Amino acid sequence: MKIFDEIQNKSLSTITILLTKKEAAQLHSYLEQLIRETEPNEHVHFHLENEDFSKEITIALYDKNGNLESFSERYRKLILTDI
């Protein structure tokens, strides 16, 4: 698991996520699609946003032993070194 703060440009060790039931259902749907329809490291990701689009969670699958070319250089560094 990698948790990345894009604003601070740093890896995080722990976060708390509080979701509405609607947001949780949407996240569940996105996770099911990722697991069922994609392979790790494909350039497929989802953005879960709140109602006014002021907050966002981006989710994707990765395999650090696979081809990481679809990820940006910054994300490859995060996946490989957690920095």
Protein backbone atom coordinates (compact mmCIF):
# COMPACT_ATOMS: atom_id res chain seq x y z
CA MET A 1 0.00 0.00 0.00
CA LYS A 2 1.26 3.43 -0.93
CA ILE A 3 -0.30 6.62 0.42
CA PHE A 4 0.85 9.80 -1.27
CA ASP A 5 0.09 13.42 -0.45
CA GLU A 6 0.29 15.14 -3.84
CA ILE A 7 0.17 18.64 -2.36
CA GLN A 8 3.08 18.03 0.03
CA ASN A 9 4.79 15.65 -2.46
CA LYS A 10 5.49 13.04 0.21
CA SER A 11 4.64 9.52 1.25
CA LEU A 12 2.39 9.08 4.27
CA SER A 13 2.28 6.20 6.71
CA THR A 14 -1.24 6.59 7.99
CA ILE A 15 -4.42 8.43 7.10
CA THR A 16 -8.04 8.47 8.18
CA ILE A 17 -10.74 8.49 5.52
CA LEU A 18 -14.29 9.36 6.45
CA LEU A 19 -16.85 8.63 3.73
CA THR A 20 -20.57 9.03 3.31
CA LYS A 21 -22.47 5.87 2.46
CA LYS A 22 -22.76 7.06 -1.16
CA GLU A 23 -18.99 7.70 -1.38
CA ALA A 24 -18.23 4.32 0.19
CA ALA A 25 -20.47 2.59 -2.34
CA GLN A 26 -18.72 4.40 -5.19
CA LEU A 27 -15.28 3.46 -3.83
CA HIS A 28 -16.44 -0.16 -3.53
CA SER A 29 -17.60 -0.11 -7.15
CA TYR A 30 -14.29 1.34 -8.34
CA LEU A 31 -12.30 -1.26 -6.40
CA GLU A 32 -14.38 -4.09 -7.83
CA GLN A 33 -13.77 -2.76 -11.36
CA LEU A 34 -10.02 -2.53 -10.76
CA ILE A 35 -9.83 -6.07 -9.41
CA ARG A 36 -12.13 -7.60 -12.01
CA GLU A 37 -11.19 -5.73 -15.17
CA THR A 38 -7.58 -4.58 -14.96
CA GLU A 39 -4.11 -5.90 -14.36
CA PRO A 40 -1.66 -4.20 -12.01
CA ASN A 41 0.33 -1.37 -13.63
CA GLU A 42 -2.21 -0.74 -16.39
CA HIS A 43 -2.84 2.94 -16.83
CA VAL A 44 -6.28 2.60 -15.23
CA HIS A 45 -7.25 4.61 -12.20
CA PHE A 46 -10.35 6.12 -10.67
CA HIS A 47 -11.03 9.42 -8.94
CA LEU A 48 -13.46 9.41 -6.04
CA GLU A 49 -14.62 12.95 -5.36
CA ASN A 50 -16.95 14.50 -2.83
CA GLU A 51 -20.10 16.29 -3.96
CA ASP A 52 -18.48 19.70 -4.51
CA PHE A 53 -15.24 18.23 -5.97
CA SER A 54 -13.11 19.85 -3.24
CA LYS A 55 -11.64 16.51 -2.12
CA GLU A 56 -10.38 13.58 -4.17
CA ILE A 57 -9.04 10.06 -3.70
CA THR A 58 -7.24 8.49 -6.67
CA ILE A 59 -6.96 4.69 -6.70
CA ALA A 60 -4.98 2.34 -8.95
CA LEU A 61 -3.43 -1.12 -8.83
CA TYR A 62 0.32 -1.68 -8.90
CA ASP A 63 2.83 -4.54 -8.79
CA LYS A 64 6.32 -3.32 -7.95
CA ASN A 65 7.79 -6.37 -9.70
CA GLY A 66 5.92 -5.61 -12.92
CA ASN A 67 6.25 -3.03 -15.66
CA LEU A 68 5.83 0.41 -14.08
CA GLU A 69 6.08 2.40 -17.33
CA SER A 70 2.46 3.58 -17.14
CA PHE A 71 3.21 5.44 -13.89
CA SER A 72 4.88 8.83 -13.70
CA GLU A 73 8.48 8.99 -12.55
CA ARG A 74 7.32 10.29 -9.17
CA TYR A 75 4.92 7.37 -8.67
CA ARG A 76 7.54 4.84 -9.76
CA LYS A 77 9.86 6.23 -7.08
CA LEU A 78 7.05 5.97 -4.53
CA ILE A 79 6.26 2.37 -5.51
CA LEU A 80 9.89 1.26 -5.44
CA THR A 81 11.23 3.19 -2.44
CA ASP A 82 8.19 4.56 -0.55
CA ILE A 83 9.85 8.00 -0.55
